[in-house]
C-alpha atoms as a PDB file:
ATOM      1  CA  UNK A   1     102.056 113.075  95.373  1.00  0.00           C
ATOM      2  CA  UNK A   2     100.156 111.869  98.436  1.00  0.00           C
ATOM      3  CA  UNK A   3     102.835 109.268  99.378  1.00  0.00           C
ATOM      4  CA  UNK A   4     106.266 110.821  99.086  1.00  0.00           C
ATOM      5  CA  UNK A   5     109.713 110.787 100.682  1.00  0.00           C
ATOM      6  CA  UNK A   6     112.281 113.535 100.591  1.00  0.00           C
ATOM      7  CA  UNK A   7     115.929 112.724 101.594  1.00  0.00           C
ATOM      8  CA  UNK A   8     117.286 115.412 103.936  1.00  0.00           C
ATOM      9  CA  UNK A   9     120.546 113.793 105.075  1.00  0.00           C
ATOM     10  CA  UNK A  10     122.300 110.717 103.893  1.00  0.00           C
ATOM     11  CA  UNK A  11     125.789 110.673 105.575  1.00  0.00           C
ATOM     12  CA  UNK A  12     126.708 108.577 108.585  1.00  0.00           C
ATOM     13  CA  UNK A  13     128.547 109.740 111.654  1.00  0.00           C
ATOM     14  CA  UNK A  14     130.575 112.351 109.918  1.00  0.00           C
ATOM     15  CA  UNK A  15     128.914 114.889 107.437  1.00  0.00           C
ATOM     16  CA  UNK A  16     130.585 115.902 104.215  1.00  0.00           C
ATOM     17  CA  UNK A  17     130.447 119.093 102.212  1.00  0.00           C
ATOM     18  CA  UNK A  18     127.592 117.656 100.220  1.00  0.00           C
ATOM     19  CA  UNK A  19     125.992 115.089 102.555  1.00  0.00           C
ATOM     20  CA  UNK A  20     124.333 115.951 105.876  1.00  0.00           C
ATOM     21  CA  UNK A  21     123.407 113.835 108.862  1.00  0.00           C
ATOM     22  CA  UNK A  22     120.388 111.519 108.792  1.00  0.00           C
ATOM     23  CA  UNK A  23     116.903 112.858 108.226  1.00  0.00           C
ATOM     24  CA  UNK A  24     113.936 112.069 105.997  1.00  0.00           C
ATOM     25  CA  UNK A  25     110.557 113.784 105.435  1.00  0.00           C
ATOM     26  CA  UNK A  26     107.768 111.362 104.845  1.00  0.00           C
ATOM     27  CA  UNK A  27     104.248 112.145 103.748  1.00  0.00           C
ATOM     28  CA  UNK A  28     101.586 109.480 103.624  1.00  0.00           C
ATOM     29  CA  UNK A  29      98.107 110.639 103.232  1.00  0.00           C
ATOM     30  CA  UNK A  30      97.407 113.301 105.831  1.00  0.00           C
ATOM     31  CA  UNK A  31     100.342 112.327 107.993  1.00  0.00           C
ATOM     32  CA  UNK A  32     103.601 114.347 107.802  1.00  0.00           C
ATOM     33  CA  UNK A  33     106.515 112.658 109.563  1.00  0.00           C
ATOM     34  CA  UNK A  34     110.210 113.379 110.239  1.00  0.00           C
ATOM     35  CA  UNK A  35     112.389 110.254 110.436  1.00  0.00           C
ATOM     36  CA  UNK A  36     115.521 111.024 112.475  1.00  0.00           C
ATOM     37  CA  UNK A  37     116.777 114.616 112.844  1.00  0.00           C
ATOM     38  CA  UNK A  38     120.532 114.951 112.539  1.00  0.00           C
ATOM     39  CA  UNK A  39     122.445 118.177 112.569  1.00  0.00           C
ATOM     40  CA  UNK A  40     121.417 120.517 109.820  1.00  0.00           C
ATOM     41  CA  UNK A  41     118.006 118.925 109.251  1.00  0.00           C
ATOM     42  CA  UNK A  42     116.038 122.127 109.566  1.00  0.00           C
ATOM     43  CA  UNK A  43     118.514 123.865 107.230  1.00  0.00           C
ATOM     44  CA  UNK A  44     117.859 121.192 104.597  1.00  0.00           C
ATOM     45  CA  UNK A  45     114.086 121.567 104.893  1.00  0.00           C
ATOM     46  CA  UNK A  46     114.405 125.356 104.381  1.00  0.00           C
ATOM     47  CA  UNK A  47     116.673 124.715 101.340  1.00  0.00           C
ATOM     48  CA  UNK A  48     114.310 122.242  99.845  1.00  0.00           C
ATOM     49  CA  UNK A  49     111.167 124.354 100.397  1.00  0.00           C
ATOM     50  CA  UNK A  50     109.587 122.071 103.043  1.00  0.00           C
ATOM     51  CA  UNK A  51     107.227 123.673 105.561  1.00  0.00           C
ATOM     52  CA  UNK A  52     108.279 121.815 108.750  1.00  0.00           C
ATOM     53  CA  UNK A  53     105.321 123.275 110.633  1.00  0.00           C
ATOM     54  CA  UNK A  54     103.347 120.646 108.897  1.00  0.00           C
ATOM     55  CA  UNK A  55     105.283 117.885 110.624  1.00  0.00           C
ATOM     56  CA  UNK A  56     103.090 116.349 113.465  1.00  0.00           C
ATOM     57  CA  UNK A  57     105.116 113.218 114.155  1.00  0.00           C
ATOM     58  CA  UNK A  58     108.846 112.711 114.687  1.00  0.00           C
ATOM     59  CA  UNK A  59     110.347 109.170 114.879  1.00  0.00           C
ATOM     60  CA  UNK A  60     113.986 108.863 116.241  1.00  0.00           C
ATOM     61  CA  UNK A  61     115.617 105.552 115.601  1.00  0.00           C
ATOM     62  CA  UNK A  62     118.337 105.854 118.255  1.00  0.00           C
ATOM     63  CA  UNK A  63     120.264 108.436 120.359  1.00  0.00           C
ATOM     64  CA  UNK A  64     123.494 108.818 118.430  1.00  0.00           C
ATOM     65  CA  UNK A  65     124.246 112.394 117.645  1.00  0.00           C
ATOM     66  CA  UNK A  66     124.100 112.064 113.900  1.00  0.00           C
ATOM     67  CA  UNK A  67     120.395 111.152 114.320  1.00  0.00           C
ATOM     68  CA  UNK A  68     119.217 113.642 117.010  1.00  0.00           C
ATOM     69  CA  UNK A  69     121.473 116.667 117.226  1.00  0.00           C
ATOM     70  CA  UNK A  70     119.240 118.722 114.895  1.00  0.00           C
ATOM     71  CA  UNK A  71     116.175 118.150 117.008  1.00  0.00           C
ATOM     72  CA  UNK A  72     116.563 120.769 119.778  1.00  0.00           C
ATOM     73  CA  UNK A  73     117.116 123.494 117.125  1.00  0.00           C
ATOM     74  CA  UNK A  74     114.193 122.377 114.994  1.00  0.00           C
ATOM     75  CA  UNK A  75     111.856 122.275 117.953  1.00  0.00           C
ATOM     76  CA  UNK A  76     113.004 125.738 119.051  1.00  0.00           C
ATOM     77  CA  UNK A  77     112.551 127.307 115.617  1.00  0.00           C
ATOM     78  CA  UNK A  78     109.062 125.785 115.364  1.00  0.00           C
ATOM     79  CA  UNK A  79     108.329 127.738 118.628  1.00  0.00           C
ATOM     80  CA  UNK A  80     109.890 130.961 117.506  1.00  0.00           C
ATOM     81  CA  UNK A  81     107.700 130.756 114.309  1.00  0.00           C
ATOM     82  CA  UNK A  82     104.689 130.634 116.479  1.00  0.00           C
ATOM     83  CA  UNK A  83     103.712 126.976 116.323  1.00  0.00           C
ATOM     84  CA  UNK A  84     100.525 126.172 118.234  1.00  0.00           C
ATOM     85  CA  UNK A  85      99.840 122.604 116.936  1.00  0.00           C
ATOM     86  CA  UNK A  86     100.850 119.790 119.299  1.00  0.00           C
ATOM     87  CA  UNK A  87     103.861 117.541 118.259  1.00  0.00           C
ATOM     88  CA  UNK A  88     104.235 113.875 118.891  1.00  0.00           C
ATOM     89  CA  UNK A  89     107.721 112.478 119.317  1.00  0.00           C
ATOM     90  CA  UNK A  90     108.523 108.789 119.379  1.00  0.00           C
ATOM     91  CA  UNK A  91     112.003 107.723 120.456  1.00  0.00           C
ATOM     92  CA  UNK A  92     114.147 105.460 122.636  1.00  0.00           C
ATOM     93  CA  UNK A  93     114.306 105.818 126.356  1.00  0.00           C
ATOM     94  CA  UNK A  94     116.237 108.902 127.341  1.00  0.00           C
ATOM     95  CA  UNK A  95     115.177 111.127 124.454  1.00  0.00           C
ATOM     96  CA  UNK A  96     112.680 113.056 126.555  1.00  0.00           C
ATOM     97  CA  UNK A  97     115.245 113.705 129.279  1.00  0.00           C
ATOM     98  CA  UNK A  98     117.875 114.932 126.730  1.00  0.00           C
ATOM     99  CA  UNK A  99     115.429 117.417 125.206  1.00  0.00           C
ATOM    100  CA  UNK A 100     113.985 118.593 128.547  1.00  0.00           C
ATOM    101  CA  UNK A 101     117.557 119.203 129.865  1.00  0.00           C
ATOM    102  CA  UNK A 102     118.376 121.227 126.814  1.00  0.00           C
ATOM    103  CA  UNK A 103     115.271 123.418 127.106  1.00  0.00           C
ATOM    104  CA  UNK A 104     115.445 123.818 130.834  1.00  0.00           C
ATOM    105  CA  UNK A 105     119.193 124.742 130.755  1.00  0.00           C
ATOM    106  CA  UNK A 106     118.515 127.534 128.280  1.00  0.00           C
ATOM    107  CA  UNK A 107     115.251 128.628 129.985  1.00  0.00           C
ATOM    108  CA  UNK A 108     113.462 127.954 126.745  1.00  0.00           C
ATOM    109  CA  UNK A 109     109.693 128.200 126.493  1.00  0.00           C
ATOM    110  CA  UNK A 110     107.852 126.360 123.688  1.00  0.00           C
ATOM    111  CA  UNK A 111     104.546 127.724 122.379  1.00  0.00           C
ATOM    112  CA  UNK A 112     103.188 124.198 121.732  1.00  0.00           C
ATOM    113  CA  UNK A 113     102.879 120.927 123.620  1.00  0.00           C
ATOM    114  CA  UNK A 114     105.072 117.977 122.955  1.00  0.00           C
ATOM    115  CA  UNK A 115     103.810 114.428 123.546  1.00  0.00           C
ATOM    116  CA  UNK A 116     106.742 112.067 124.236  1.00  0.00           C
ATOM    117  CA  UNK A 117     106.311 108.400 123.461  1.00  0.00           C
ATOM    118  CA  UNK A 118     108.997 105.755 124.313  1.00  0.00           C
ATOM    119  CA  UNK A 119     109.529 103.211 121.570  1.00  0.00           C
ATOM    120  CA  UNK A 120     109.546  99.483 122.265  1.00  0.00           C
ATOM    121  CA  UNK A 121     109.979  96.645 119.815  1.00  0.00           C
ATOM    122  CA  UNK A 122     106.665  95.035 118.769  1.00  0.00           C
ATOM    123  CA  UNK A 123     104.652  98.354 119.045  1.00  0.00           C
ATOM    124  CA  UNK A 124     102.104  99.126 116.320  1.00  0.00           C
ATOM    125  CA  UNK A 125     101.540 102.987 116.300  1.00  0.00           C
ATOM    126  CA  UNK A 126      98.410 103.880 114.396  1.00  0.00           C
ATOM    127  CA  UNK A 127      98.164 107.427 112.977  1.00  0.00           C
ATOM    128  CA  UNK A 128      95.550 108.902 110.755  1.00  0.00           C
ATOM    129  CA  UNK A 129      96.788 107.494 107.417  1.00  0.00           C
ATOM    130  CA  UNK A 130      99.305 104.839 108.413  1.00  0.00           C
ATOM    131  CA  UNK A 131     100.401 102.375 111.042  1.00  0.00           C
ATOM    132  CA  UNK A 132     104.041 102.176 112.110  1.00  0.00           C
ATOM    133  CA  UNK A 133     105.386  98.821 113.145  1.00  0.00           C
ATOM    134  CA  UNK A 134     108.521  99.051 115.498  1.00  0.00           C
ATOM    135  CA  UNK A 135     111.298  96.456 115.248  1.00  0.00           C
ATOM    136  CA  UNK A 136     114.595  96.123 117.241  1.00  0.00           C
ATOM    137  CA  UNK A 137     117.781  96.510 115.217  1.00  0.00           C
ATOM    138  CA  UNK A 138     121.266  95.471 116.445  1.00  0.00           C
ATOM    139  CA  UNK A 139     123.446  98.533 117.013  1.00  0.00           C
ATOM    140  CA  UNK A 140     125.933  99.493 119.714  1.00  0.00           C
ATOM    141  CA  UNK A 141     123.075 101.235 121.684  1.00  0.00           C
ATOM    142  CA  UNK A 142     119.302 100.496 121.482  1.00  0.00           C
ATOM    143  CA  UNK A 143     118.115 101.158 117.951  1.00  0.00           C
ATOM    144  CA  UNK A 144     114.795 100.726 116.171  1.00  0.00           C
ATOM    145  CA  UNK A 145     113.644 100.061 112.632  1.00  0.00           C
ATOM    146  CA  UNK A 146     110.242 101.061 111.273  1.00  0.00           C
ATOM    147  CA  UNK A 147     107.872  99.488 108.824  1.00  0.00           C
ATOM    148  CA  UNK A 148     105.322 102.065 107.893  1.00  0.00           C
ATOM    149  CA  UNK A 149     102.095 100.851 106.192  1.00  0.00           C
ATOM    150  CA  UNK A 150      99.519 102.909 104.536  1.00  0.00           C
ATOM    151  CA  UNK A 151      96.188 102.308 106.120  1.00  0.00           C
ATOM    152  CA  UNK A 152      93.471 100.930 103.895  1.00  0.00           C
ATOM    153  CA  UNK A 153      90.719 103.471 103.531  1.00  0.00           C
ATOM    154  CA  UNK A 154      87.016 102.688 103.227  1.00  0.00           C
ATOM    155  CA  UNK A 155      85.845 101.383  99.878  1.00  0.00           C
ATOM    156  CA  UNK A 156      84.568 103.859  97.228  1.00  0.00           C
ATOM    157  CA  UNK A 157      80.867 103.594  96.617  1.00  0.00           C
ATOM    158  CA  UNK A 158      79.499 103.082  93.075  1.00  0.00           C
ATOM    159  CA  UNK A 159      76.564 105.451  93.616  1.00  0.00           C
ATOM    160  CA  UNK A 160      75.134 104.951  90.096  1.00  0.00           C
ATOM    161  CA  UNK A 161      74.778 101.235  90.663  1.00  0.00           C
ATOM    162  CA  UNK A 162      73.379 101.655  94.190  1.00  0.00           C
ATOM    163  CA  UNK A 163      70.654 104.027  92.859  1.00  0.00           C
ATOM    164  CA  UNK A 164      69.877 101.708  89.950  1.00  0.00           C
ATOM    165  CA  UNK A 165      69.481  98.692  92.274  1.00  0.00           C
ATOM    166  CA  UNK A 166      67.432 100.781  94.782  1.00  0.00           C
ATOM    167  CA  UNK A 167      69.834 100.590  97.651  1.00  0.00           C
ATOM    168  CA  UNK A 168      68.707 103.002 100.414  1.00  0.00           C
ATOM    169  CA  UNK A 169      71.120 105.907 101.281  1.00  0.00           C
ATOM    170  CA  UNK A 170      71.128 104.765 104.945  1.00  0.00           C
ATOM    171  CA  UNK A 171      73.192 101.689 103.922  1.00  0.00           C
ATOM    172  CA  UNK A 172      75.965 103.638 102.224  1.00  0.00           C
ATOM    173  CA  UNK A 173      78.335 104.017 105.204  1.00  0.00           C
ATOM    174  CA  UNK A 174      78.211 100.304 106.051  1.00  0.00           C
ATOM    175  CA  UNK A 175      78.681  99.326 102.411  1.00  0.00           C
ATOM    176  CA  UNK A 176      81.834 101.428 102.336  1.00  0.00           C
ATOM    177  CA  UNK A 177      83.014  99.384 105.255  1.00  0.00           C
ATOM    178  CA  UNK A 178      82.626  96.193 103.229  1.00  0.00           C
ATOM    179  CA  UNK A 179      78.960  95.256 104.238  1.00  0.00           C
ATOM    180  CA  UNK A 180      76.666  93.858 101.512  1.00  0.00           C
ATOM    181  CA  UNK A 181      73.689  95.872 100.454  1.00  0.00           C
ATOM    182  CA  UNK A 182      69.917  94.986 100.428  1.00  0.00           C
ATOM    183  CA  UNK A 183      67.680  96.190  97.663  1.00  0.00           C
ATOM    184  CA  UNK A 184      63.991  97.189  97.936  1.00  0.00           C
ATOM    185  CA  UNK A 185      62.940  93.569  97.421  1.00  0.00           C
ATOM    186  CA  UNK A 186      65.103  92.433 100.243  1.00  0.00           C
ATOM    187  CA  UNK A 187      67.635  90.753  97.913  1.00  0.00           C
ATOM    188  CA  UNK A 188      71.239  90.822  99.261  1.00  0.00           C
ATOM    189  CA  UNK A 189      73.651  92.437  96.787  1.00  0.00           C
ATOM    190  CA  UNK A 190      77.335  91.511  97.227  1.00  0.00           C
ATOM    191  CA  UNK A 191      79.571  94.275  98.321  1.00  0.00           C
ATOM    192  CA  UNK A 192      81.776  93.956  95.266  1.00  0.00           C
ATOM    193  CA  UNK A 193      78.892  94.838  93.018  1.00  0.00           C
ATOM    194  CA  UNK A 194      78.250  98.093  94.797  1.00  0.00           C
ATOM    195  CA  UNK A 195      81.817  99.388  95.295  1.00  0.00           C
ATOM    196  CA  UNK A 196      84.765 100.403  93.153  1.00  0.00           C
ATOM    197  CA  UNK A 197      88.009  98.572  93.937  1.00  0.00           C
ATOM    198  CA  UNK A 198      90.590 100.818  95.703  1.00  0.00           C
ATOM    199  CA  UNK A 199      94.269 100.927  94.881  1.00  0.00           C
ATOM    200  CA  UNK A 200      96.339  98.557  96.953  1.00  0.00           C
ATOM    201  CA  UNK A 201      98.187 100.061  99.940  1.00  0.00           C
ATOM    202  CA  UNK A 202     101.996 100.053 100.255  1.00  0.00           C
ATOM    203  CA  UNK A 203     104.653  99.992 102.920  1.00  0.00           C
ATOM    204  CA  UNK A 204     108.029 101.759 103.585  1.00  0.00           C
ATOM    205  CA  UNK A 205     110.656 100.228 105.741  1.00  0.00           C
ATOM    206  CA  UNK A 206     113.378 102.343 107.399  1.00  0.00           C
ATOM    207  CA  UNK A 207     116.347 100.361 108.572  1.00  0.00           C
ATOM    208  CA  UNK A 208     119.327 102.263 109.762  1.00  0.00           C
ATOM    209  CA  UNK A 209     122.367 101.689 111.950  1.00  0.00           C
ATOM    210  CA  UNK A 210     122.345  97.946 112.314  1.00  0.00           C
ATOM    211  CA  UNK A 211     124.237  94.721 111.689  1.00  0.00           C
ATOM    212  CA  UNK A 212     122.795  92.671 108.858  1.00  0.00           C
ATOM    213  CA  UNK A 213     119.811  90.847 110.362  1.00  0.00           C
ATOM    214  CA  UNK A 214     118.173  88.196 108.216  1.00  0.00           C
ATOM    215  CA  UNK A 215     115.564  87.588 110.984  1.00  0.00           C
ATOM    216  CA  UNK A 216     114.605  91.264 110.904  1.00  0.00           C
ATOM    217  CA  UNK A 217     114.126  91.026 107.125  1.00  0.00           C
ATOM    218  CA  UNK A 218     111.757  88.043 107.481  1.00  0.00           C
ATOM    219  CA  UNK A 219     109.743  89.789 110.209  1.00  0.00           C
ATOM    220  CA  UNK A 220     109.368  92.863 108.007  1.00  0.00           C
ATOM    221  CA  UNK A 221     108.333  91.066 104.798  1.00  0.00           C
ATOM    222  CA  UNK A 222     106.782  91.950 102.554  1.00  0.00           C
ATOM    223  CA  UNK A 223     107.917  95.602 101.947  1.00  0.00           C
ATOM    224  CA  UNK A 224     107.047  97.858  99.015  1.00  0.00           C
ATOM    225  CA  UNK A 225     110.067 100.222  99.432  1.00  0.00           C
ATOM    226  CA  UNK A 226     113.044  99.574 101.681  1.00  0.00           C
ATOM    227  CA  UNK A 227     115.576 102.138 102.893  1.00  0.00           C
ATOM    228  CA  UNK A 228     118.608 100.261 104.305  1.00  0.00           C
ATOM    229  CA  UNK A 229     121.828 101.694 105.641  1.00  0.00           C
ATOM    230  CA  UNK A 230     124.916 101.015 103.436  1.00  0.00           C
ATOM    231  CA  UNK A 231     127.614 102.639 105.557  1.00  0.00           C
ATOM    232  CA  UNK A 232     130.408 100.631 103.885  1.00  0.00           C
ATOM    233  CA  UNK A 233     131.301  98.648 100.778  1.00  0.00           C
ATOM    234  CA  UNK A 234     131.813  94.871 101.256  1.00  0.00           C
ATOM    235  CA  UNK A 235     135.551  95.379 101.213  1.00  0.00           C
ATOM    236  CA  UNK A 236     135.184  96.813 104.627  1.00  0.00           C
ATOM    237  CA  UNK A 237     132.812  94.259 106.144  1.00  0.00           C
ATOM    238  CA  UNK A 238     135.162  93.746 109.114  1.00  0.00           C
ATOM    239  CA  UNK A 239     134.848  97.443 109.915  1.00  0.00           C
ATOM    240  CA  UNK A 240     131.008  97.259 109.394  1.00  0.00           C
ATOM    241  CA  UNK A 241     130.716  94.327 111.903  1.00  0.00           C
ATOM    242  CA  UNK A 242     133.059  96.035 114.427  1.00  0.00           C
ATOM    243  CA  UNK A 243     130.933  99.166 114.309  1.00  0.00           C
ATOM    244  CA  UNK A 244     127.546  97.453 114.129  1.00  0.00           C
ATOM    245  CA  UNK A 245     126.789  98.716 110.563  1.00  0.00           C
ATOM    246  CA  UNK A 246     126.011  97.139 107.221  1.00  0.00           C
ATOM    247  CA  UNK A 247     127.393  97.098 103.637  1.00  0.00           C
ATOM    248  CA  UNK A 248     125.677  97.868 100.401  1.00  0.00           C
ATOM    249  CA  UNK A 249     125.842  94.102  99.565  1.00  0.00           C
ATOM    250  CA  UNK A 250     124.128  93.244 102.843  1.00  0.00           C
ATOM    251  CA  UNK A 251     121.482  95.866 102.192  1.00  0.00           C
ATOM    252  CA  UNK A 252     120.663  94.223  98.939  1.00  0.00           C
ATOM    253  CA  UNK A 253     120.563  90.732 100.542  1.00  0.00           C
ATOM    254  CA  UNK A 254     118.091  92.258 103.092  1.00  0.00           C
ATOM    255  CA  UNK A 255     115.957  93.560 100.284  1.00  0.00           C
ATOM    256  CA  UNK A 256     115.751  90.063  98.676  1.00  0.00           C
ATOM    257  CA  UNK A 257     114.893  88.503 102.025  1.00  0.00           C
ATOM    258  CA  UNK A 258     112.082  90.906 102.871  1.00  0.00           C
ATOM    259  CA  UNK A 259     110.528  90.690  99.422  1.00  0.00           C
ATOM    260  CA  UNK A 260     111.106  94.447  98.664  1.00  0.00           C
ATOM    261  CA  UNK A 261     110.070  95.965  95.371  1.00  0.00           C
ATOM    262  CA  UNK A 262     112.687  98.717  95.550  1.00  0.00           C
ATOM    263  CA  UNK A 263     115.800  99.337  97.596  1.00  0.00           C
ATOM    264  CA  UNK A 264     117.209 102.749  98.652  1.00  0.00           C
ATOM    265  CA  UNK A 265     120.759 102.937  99.936  1.00  0.00           C
ATOM    266  CA  UNK A 266     121.818 105.620 102.452  1.00  0.00           C
ATOM    267  CA  UNK A 267     123.801 106.396 105.545  1.00  0.00           C
ATOM    268  CA  UNK A 268     127.119 106.440 103.696  1.00  0.00           C
ATOM    269  CA  UNK A 269     130.455 106.759 105.374  1.00  0.00           C
ATOM    270  CA  UNK A 270     132.219 110.085 104.733  1.00  0.00           C
ATOM    271  CA  UNK A 271     135.256 108.117 103.403  1.00  0.00           C
ATOM    272  CA  UNK A 272     133.308 107.687 100.109  1.00  0.00           C
ATOM    273  CA  UNK A 273     133.083 110.622  97.687  1.00  0.00           C
ATOM    274  CA  UNK A 274     131.829 108.515  94.773  1.00  0.00           C
ATOM    275  CA  UNK A 275     128.817 106.303  95.649  1.00  0.00           C
ATOM    276  CA  UNK A 276     128.587 104.438  92.319  1.00  0.00           C
ATOM    277  CA  UNK A 277     130.372 101.394  93.716  1.00  0.00           C
ATOM    278  CA  UNK A 278     127.720 101.173  96.378  1.00  0.00           C
ATOM    279  CA  UNK A 279     125.103 101.080  93.605  1.00  0.00           C
ATOM    280  CA  UNK A 280     127.057  98.506  91.520  1.00  0.00           C
ATOM    281  CA  UNK A 281     127.564  96.326  94.576  1.00  0.00           C
ATOM    282  CA  UNK A 282     123.920  96.269  95.434  1.00  0.00           C
ATOM    283  CA  UNK A 283     122.521  95.942  92.012  1.00  0.00           C
ATOM    284  CA  UNK A 284     124.605  92.814  91.500  1.00  0.00           C
ATOM    285  CA  UNK A 285     122.210  91.205  93.996  1.00  0.00           C
ATOM    286  CA  UNK A 286     119.087  93.389  93.841  1.00  0.00           C
ATOM    287  CA  UNK A 287     118.434  95.086  90.536  1.00  0.00           C
ATOM    288  CA  UNK A 288     115.892  97.716  91.538  1.00  0.00           C
ATOM    289  CA  UNK A 289     118.179  99.707  93.739  1.00  0.00           C
ATOM    290  CA  UNK A 290     118.735 103.525  93.883  1.00  0.00           C
ATOM    291  CA  UNK A 291     120.940 105.842  95.951  1.00  0.00           C
ATOM    292  CA  UNK A 292     119.284 108.292  98.390  1.00  0.00           C
ATOM    293  CA  UNK A 293     120.159 111.751  97.105  1.00  0.00           C
ATOM    294  CA  UNK A 294     119.653 114.811  99.346  1.00  0.00           C
ATOM    295  CA  UNK A 295     116.982 117.110  98.045  1.00  0.00           C
ATOM    296  CA  UNK A 296     115.388 114.382  95.892  1.00  0.00           C
ATOM    297  CA  UNK A 297     111.668 113.610  96.439  1.00  0.00           C
ATOM    298  CA  UNK A 298     110.361 110.253  95.276  1.00  0.00           C
ATOM    299  CA  UNK A 299     106.889 108.824  94.974  1.00  0.00           C
ATOM    300  CA  UNK A 300     106.744 105.678  97.301  1.00  0.00           C
ATOM    301  CA  UNK A 301     103.638 103.750  96.031  1.00  0.00           C
END
């Protein structure tokens, strides 16, 4: 699976015996990304057979402990295991200082270089296989949501047709970039006659730790797959609003507004052992809903 997502942690502020703090391992094309890194994230990756040395990019939504406390340990383990490849970390203001204070206090030496990048709403971060659009959520501290879109690759050339029509090989690279071709007689051949249609690209939205924001849903639309926090059931909506979180019902409303094809619920309060009511509540509004289950890997698009 070239585009896949593995759930590493699905609990909110307090972990449970079966649910760890937030973390997701995302692979799109050649890009391997870690989304948030709560306590125990590296343990989960070891348990699920994920080679975290492949991770090149880490995106941190905000600085609450259940989203960052696993990061110092992971970075140190990468170094102890001899990592040489540089690492790119994207996070809110203050993350660099937190990590550097940790390493300097313990006289830690990393065997690889870290590039720190401060997130700001409105950024478009282009990697090799995707572009990440950064949005501002509404939490008790600065918090960001991400819409990650697979980059459209160059068109696939129909070599047999090109040879049959006498298209010179020197034109091939431009044709793959949507240019028309010219045959031996000088006749222009439309690009669609010389290429094979590529599969449409998809998008993944990561929305955690926020009040329900209809305007954010509209900005993100459309979305192929949406992960939205569902810390509480609707019976505790007052609690959700007080703590700047969302309910399963609100997550479903968000999915409808942003035109999602599928909704994934996560970031569950430790007060809930059975999450089936979250699923029922969301499915009543948005049918194609699933629960994030730790250790499960899904195909995104």
